[in-house]
Amino acid sequence: MSFRNLDSPPSFAKASEGLPSEVSAWLGRVRDVVNNIMRGKLNCTGAVTLAAGAATTTLSDALIGGSSVVLLQPTTANAAAELGNGTLYFDAPGAGSVVIRHANNAQGDRSFGYVVIG
């Protein structure tokens, strides 16, 4: 897939053309943020390890809200097995957290990367 950068601000948006320099600098930062988003560099990822000896783990992240979707990627063999067992699911997300329900066992390395969308 090809990637196209967001173009630089037009010439009328440059400080030399009469626009205040702080506005021109802000437009440049907006361009950088948009270009990073287009490259997939989103600030919505994290890591979570399921609690050993418990049937639930609370994932806390300020990005989680009532309409959020949390996607998991196993980073260990035991985490992949947990997904394969079909015993992992989520309660409805709330403001800043969601409860993950899973098998209650002694494995302390069921680790995942996650993404919060919405």
Protein backbone atom coordinates (compact mmCIF):
# COMPACT_ATOMS: atom_id res chain seq x y z
CA MET A 1 0.00 0.00 0.00
CA SER A 2 1.34 3.40 -0.88
CA PHE A 3 1.43 6.23 1.60
CA ARG A 4 1.02 9.87 0.74
CA ASN A 5 2.01 12.59 3.20
CA LEU A 6 -0.26 15.48 3.96
CA ASP A 7 1.14 18.41 2.04
CA SER A 8 2.84 21.35 3.73
CA PRO A 9 0.57 24.27 4.63
CA PRO A 10 -0.14 26.54 1.65
CA SER A 11 2.05 29.59 1.14
CA PHE A 12 -0.57 31.92 2.67
CA ALA A 13 -0.17 29.98 5.95
CA LYS A 14 3.49 30.88 6.34
CA ALA A 15 4.70 33.50 8.78
CA SER A 16 6.54 35.31 5.99
CA GLU A 17 3.19 35.88 4.28
CA GLY A 18 1.71 37.69 7.26
CA LEU A 19 0.36 34.79 9.31
CA PRO A 20 1.62 34.81 12.92
CA SER A 21 4.55 32.43 13.39
CA GLU A 22 2.78 30.50 16.19
CA VAL A 23 -0.13 29.72 13.83
CA SER A 24 2.27 28.58 11.13
CA ALA A 25 4.11 26.39 13.68
CA TRP A 26 0.78 24.95 14.90
CA LEU A 27 -0.24 24.06 11.33
CA GLY A 28 3.09 22.27 10.91
CA ARG A 29 2.43 20.22 14.07
CA VAL A 30 -1.08 19.37 12.84
CA ARG A 31 0.45 18.15 9.57
CA ASP A 32 2.92 15.97 11.52
CA VAL A 33 0.13 14.45 13.64
CA VAL A 34 -2.02 13.68 10.60
CA ASN A 35 0.94 12.14 8.77
CA ASN A 36 1.69 9.90 11.79
CA ILE A 37 -1.95 8.81 11.97
CA MET A 38 -1.85 7.94 8.27
CA ARG A 39 1.24 5.81 8.98
CA GLY A 40 -0.65 3.90 11.69
CA LYS A 41 1.13 5.58 14.60
CA LEU A 42 -1.87 5.87 16.89
CA ASN A 43 -1.64 6.67 20.58
CA CYS A 44 -4.13 3.98 21.61
CA THR A 45 -2.07 0.89 22.43
CA GLY A 46 -0.88 -0.78 25.59
CA ALA A 47 -0.07 -4.08 27.28
CA VAL A 48 -2.00 -6.17 29.78
CA THR A 49 -1.27 -9.44 31.60
CA LEU A 50 -4.19 -11.49 32.87
CA ALA A 51 -4.27 -11.94 36.63
CA ALA A 52 -3.09 -15.36 37.85
CA GLY A 53 -5.40 -17.13 40.28
CA ALA A 54 -8.37 -14.95 39.33
CA ALA A 55 -11.21 -15.13 36.82
CA THR A 56 -11.16 -11.41 35.97
CA THR A 57 -8.63 -8.72 35.14
CA THR A 58 -9.48 -5.03 35.04
CA LEU A 59 -7.87 -3.18 32.16
CA SER A 60 -7.59 0.51 33.03
CA ASP A 61 -6.86 3.02 30.29
CA ALA A 62 -8.10 6.60 30.05
CA LEU A 63 -8.96 5.99 26.37
CA ILE A 64 -11.62 3.38 27.23
CA GLY A 65 -15.18 4.66 27.14
CA GLY A 66 -18.66 3.23 26.95
CA SER A 67 -18.53 2.69 23.19
CA SER A 68 -14.91 1.49 22.99
CA VAL A 69 -13.76 -1.71 21.36
CA VAL A 70 -10.64 -3.33 22.85
CA LEU A 71 -8.67 -5.66 20.57
CA LEU A 72 -6.10 -8.10 21.95
CA GLN A 73 -2.96 -9.59 20.42
CA PRO A 74 -1.39 -12.43 22.40
CA THR A 75 2.34 -11.98 23.03
CA THR A 76 2.95 -15.31 24.81
CA ALA A 77 1.98 -18.92 24.11
CA ASN A 78 -0.26 -19.05 27.19
CA ALA A 79 -2.06 -15.90 26.05
CA ALA A 80 -2.66 -17.47 22.63
CA ALA A 81 -3.98 -20.61 24.32
CA GLU A 82 -6.35 -18.48 26.42
CA LEU A 83 -7.82 -17.00 23.25
CA GLY A 84 -8.04 -20.44 21.66
CA ASN A 85 -9.88 -21.88 24.67
CA GLY A 86 -12.79 -19.54 24.08
CA THR A 87 -12.90 -18.51 27.75
CA LEU A 88 -11.86 -14.88 27.30
CA TYR A 89 -14.48 -12.15 26.90
CA PHE A 90 -15.17 -8.59 28.04
CA ASP A 91 -17.83 -6.93 30.17
CA ALA A 92 -19.29 -3.70 28.80
CA PRO A 93 -16.60 -1.00 28.88
CA GLY A 94 -17.00 1.97 31.19
CA ALA A 95 -15.28 5.28 31.73
CA GLY A 96 -11.58 4.41 31.85
CA SER A 97 -11.74 0.63 32.27
CA VAL A 98 -13.15 -2.69 31.17
CA VAL A 99 -13.26 -6.05 32.95
CA ILE A 100 -11.75 -8.98 31.07
CA ARG A 101 -13.20 -12.36 32.04
CA HIS A 102 -10.95 -15.38 31.59
CA ALA A 103 -10.04 -18.82 32.94
CA ASN A 104 -8.89 -18.91 36.56
CA ASN A 105 -5.50 -20.59 36.64
CA ALA A 106 -1.97 -20.10 37.96
CA GLN A 107 -0.41 -18.96 34.67
CA GLY A 108 1.19 -15.59 35.21
CA ASP A 109 2.35 -15.00 31.66
CA ARG A 110 -0.89 -14.59 29.71
CA SER A 111 0.24 -11.29 28.22
CA PHE A 112 -1.36 -9.29 25.44
CA GLY A 113 -0.86 -6.12 23.51
CA TYR A 114 -4.09 -4.18 23.08
CA VAL A 115 -5.64 -1.42 21.02
CA VAL A 116 -8.54 0.80 22.11
CA ILE A 117 -10.78 2.08 19.33
CA GLY A 118 -13.67 4.48 19.94
